Protein backbone atom coordinates (compact mmCIF):
# COMPACT_ATOMS: atom_id res chain seq x y z
CA MET A 1 63.40 111.51 82.71
CA ASN A 2 63.53 115.06 83.98
CA SER A 3 66.63 117.09 84.74
CA GLN A 4 66.38 116.53 88.50
CA GLN A 5 66.52 112.76 88.04
CA ILE A 6 69.44 113.08 85.65
CA MET A 7 71.37 115.20 88.14
CA SER A 8 70.58 112.72 90.91
CA HIS A 9 71.93 109.83 88.82
CA LEU A 10 75.01 111.86 87.88
CA VAL A 11 75.77 112.64 91.52
CA ASP A 12 75.30 108.98 92.47
CA ALA A 13 77.62 107.86 89.67
CA THR A 14 80.25 110.43 90.67
CA LEU A 15 80.17 109.31 94.31
CA PHE A 16 80.45 105.66 93.28
CA GLY A 17 83.38 106.46 90.96
CA THR A 18 85.15 108.31 93.74
CA GLU A 19 84.72 105.37 96.10
CA VAL A 20 86.06 102.93 93.49
CA LEU A 21 89.08 105.16 92.86
CA ALA A 22 89.82 105.48 96.59
CA PHE A 23 89.52 101.71 97.04
CA THR A 24 91.82 101.04 94.06
CA ILE A 25 94.50 103.41 95.36
CA SER A 26 94.23 101.97 98.87
CA LEU A 27 94.59 98.44 97.51
CA ALA A 28 97.65 99.45 95.44
CA THR A 29 99.18 101.06 98.53
CA LEU A 30 98.54 97.94 100.60
CA ILE A 31 100.13 95.69 97.96
CA THR A 32 103.21 97.87 97.42
CA ALA A 33 103.76 98.24 101.17
CA ASN A 34 103.96 94.47 101.62
CA TYR A 35 105.96 93.41 98.57
CA PRO A 36 109.46 94.37 97.39
CA SER A 37 109.71 96.72 94.42
CA ARG A 38 111.85 94.34 92.40
CA SER A 39 111.57 90.66 91.60
CA GLY A 40 113.25 88.31 89.17
CA GLN A 41 110.34 88.30 86.73
CA LYS A 42 109.84 91.02 84.13
CA LYS A 43 106.02 90.87 84.12
CA LEU A 44 105.86 91.07 87.90
CA ASP A 45 108.34 93.97 87.88
CA ASN A 46 106.12 95.83 85.40
CA LEU A 47 103.04 95.18 87.55
CA LEU A 48 104.80 96.36 90.71
CA GLN A 49 106.06 99.47 88.92
CA PHE A 50 102.50 100.28 87.79
CA LEU A 51 101.14 99.69 91.30
CA ASN A 52 103.84 101.96 92.76
CA ILE A 53 102.79 104.75 90.40
CA LEU A 54 99.12 104.16 91.20
CA ALA A 55 99.83 104.19 94.94
CA GLY A 56 101.73 107.48 94.65
CA ASN A 57 105.19 106.02 95.34
CA VAL A 58 106.96 108.33 92.88
CA GLY A 59 109.53 111.09 93.10
CA THR A 60 110.91 111.47 96.61
CA ASN A 61 108.18 109.21 97.98
CA ARG A 62 109.75 105.93 96.86
CA ASN A 63 110.06 102.53 98.47
CA ALA A 64 113.35 101.91 100.28
CA ASP A 65 114.40 99.15 97.88
CA ASP A 66 113.34 101.01 94.72
CA GLN A 67 116.13 102.49 92.60
């Protein structure tokens, strides 16, 4: 495999990785926009907290019901 083919594969992999990351963040944003930030279950609370961080709902950009 020559260097041109390697660079082509690297660019393709980078573009695919970027698309996967954008899809993951969009999905996390969609989920956190439609569900409350708190529930009665600890595991679900941890999952929602992780999704809020992934979606960028941190700092001053928090959900209305998040404390």
